[in-house]
Structure formats: structure tokens, C-alpha cells
Protein backbone atom coordinates (compact mmCIF):
# COMPACT_ATOMS: atom_id res chain seq x y z
CA MET A 1 0.00 0.00 0.00
CA PHE A 2 2.76 2.48 0.89
CA ASP A 3 4.69 1.66 -2.29
CA GLN A 4 1.83 2.70 -4.52
CA MET A 5 1.39 6.10 -2.86
CA HIS A 6 5.15 6.76 -2.55
CA VAL A 7 4.72 7.55 1.12
CA SER A 8 6.94 6.01 3.71
CA PRO A 9 5.30 4.39 6.71
CA PRO A 10 5.12 6.50 9.86
CA ILE A 11 8.09 6.23 12.16
CA PRO A 12 7.10 5.32 15.68
CA PHE A 13 8.39 7.77 18.25
CA PRO A 14 9.15 6.59 21.75
CA CYS A 15 6.56 7.82 24.20
CA PRO A 16 7.92 9.61 27.23
CA ALA A 17 7.69 7.61 30.38
CA SER A 18 4.56 8.56 32.20
CA THR A 19 5.04 9.94 35.67
CA PRO A 20 2.64 9.63 38.53
CA LEU A 21 0.37 12.58 39.09
CA GLU A 22 1.95 13.51 42.42
CA GLU A 23 5.39 13.81 40.75
CA GLN A 24 3.94 16.10 38.09
CA ASP A 25 2.31 18.26 40.76
CA SER A 26 5.51 18.55 42.78
CA GLU A 27 7.45 19.50 39.65
CA PHE A 28 4.87 22.17 38.80
CA ALA A 29 4.97 23.45 42.38
CA THR A 30 8.58 24.57 41.88
CA TYR A 31 7.46 27.28 39.45
CA VAL A 32 6.51 30.78 40.53
CA PRO A 33 4.09 33.19 38.83
CA LEU A 34 5.56 36.07 36.85
CA ARG A 35 3.43 38.87 35.46
CA VAL A 36 4.76 40.78 32.44
CA GLY A 37 2.34 43.43 31.31
CA LYS A 38 -1.05 41.75 31.18
CA SER A 39 0.42 38.27 30.64
CA ARG A 40 1.08 35.78 33.40
CA PHE A 41 3.77 33.09 33.15
CA GLU A 42 4.98 30.25 35.34
CA VAL A 43 8.79 30.40 35.56
CA SER A 44 11.53 28.83 37.64
CA PRO A 45 12.54 30.65 40.83
CA THR A 46 16.01 31.25 39.37
CA PHE A 47 14.55 32.88 36.25
CA HIS A 48 12.31 34.98 38.50
CA GLU A 49 15.33 36.15 40.55
CA GLY A 50 17.15 37.19 37.37
CA TYR A 51 14.06 39.00 36.12
CA LEU A 52 13.70 40.95 39.37
CA ALA A 53 17.43 41.75 39.44
CA ALA A 54 17.12 43.30 35.97
CA ARG A 55 14.15 45.38 37.11
CA ARG A 56 16.21 46.67 40.07
CA ALA A 57 19.22 47.37 37.83
CA TYR A 58 17.04 49.21 35.33
CA ALA A 59 15.44 51.35 38.05
CA GLN A 60 18.84 52.13 39.55
CA MET A 61 20.22 53.12 36.15
CA GLU A 62 17.19 55.38 35.63
CA GLU A 63 18.02 57.23 38.82
CA GLU A 64 21.81 57.39 38.53
CA ASP A 65 22.55 57.84 34.84
CA GLU A 66 21.94 61.30 33.40
CA TRP A 67 20.89 59.76 30.05
CA GLY A 68 18.69 57.12 31.65
CA PRO A 69 18.94 53.37 31.15
CA SER A 70 20.12 51.91 27.87
CA LEU A 71 17.57 50.36 25.57
CA PHE A 72 20.15 47.80 24.47
CA LEU A 73 23.04 46.71 26.67
CA THR A 74 26.54 46.47 25.27
CA GLY A 75 28.59 43.44 26.19
CA TYR A 76 30.51 45.51 28.74
CA GLU A 77 27.34 46.86 30.38
CA TYR A 78 25.78 43.41 30.52
CA ALA A 79 28.92 41.89 32.03
CA HIS A 80 29.15 44.69 34.58
CA LEU A 81 25.52 44.38 35.64
CA THR A 82 25.58 40.59 35.87
CA ARG A 83 28.76 40.70 37.96
CA ARG A 84 27.01 43.14 40.24
CA TYR A 85 23.69 41.32 40.62
CA LEU A 86 24.39 37.62 39.90
CA PRO A 87 24.29 35.47 43.06
CA THR A 88 27.58 33.63 43.61
CA THR A 89 25.97 30.44 44.92
CA LEU A 90 24.36 29.37 41.63
CA SER A 91 25.45 26.35 39.62
CA ALA A 92 26.41 26.75 35.95
CA ALA A 93 22.95 25.66 34.79
CA ASP A 94 21.25 28.00 37.25
CA LYS A 95 23.49 30.89 36.15
CA ARG A 96 22.27 30.42 32.61
CA GLU A 97 18.65 30.40 33.76
CA TRP A 98 19.26 33.52 35.87
CA GLN A 99 20.84 35.28 32.88
CA ARG A 100 17.80 34.44 30.75
CA GLY A 101 15.59 35.99 33.40
CA PHE A 102 17.86 39.04 33.55
CA ILE A 103 17.66 39.57 29.80
CA GLY A 104 13.90 39.08 29.90
CA GLY A 105 13.54 41.57 32.74
CA TRP A 106 15.73 44.16 31.03
CA THR A 107 13.78 43.78 27.80
CA ALA A 108 10.45 44.09 29.62
CA CYS A 109 11.65 47.32 31.29
CA SER A 110 13.02 48.70 28.03
CA TYR A 111 9.72 48.24 26.24
CA GLY A 112 7.63 49.46 29.17
CA PHE A 113 5.99 46.21 30.29
């Protein structure tokens, strides 16, 4: 049948192992709500910390810099701000997640969300 239509048969994909409901609930419980504008997201606590750090950095730059905060950060500005606000106790994976939150928070501030 498949030869006549020149269609290959479907490739079976492995199904992810199902997890008990209580494991799924405990995994979901590790997320925290984050409101950006009118949207609400569930993010990791590390992402949330990075997001809030960017909001604080943006507000501080608004007060201290005569030109106000930058819309786009240069590599130097980003490195300086992350050195200043990044917690030292994070693992490499958590640092990456925190940096994602920081970039998201800075972007949200820059565009007025």
C-alpha cells in the first residue's frame, strides 16, 4: 500500500515515560508566577530572581545615569551588571537560567511592560 502512494510508513516515536500525578504536581509546584504586562507566566525561581534583578538594575540606572537606562546593553554593560547582581551560589545551569531571566527583565523594562 505504501509503495503505490510513494509515502513512507510513519516512524514510531518513543513515548515519554509517564510519571505519577503527584510527581507532576511537585514539579509544577517549583514554578513561581511572573506577570509581564497583562500576561502571566509560570517560571523557575532562578529565572524569576534574574528578572527581578534586571528590574532593580534598570530602576537604579534610571536614577543614577543622566541619560537614563540603555535600551540595548553592550557586552561591557551586561557583564558589569551581571557581575554586580548575579548570586555567587548558583550552579552553571542556574546561572544560565538567571541570565535568561535578567535579559527578559531588562527587555520588559526597556519596552515598558
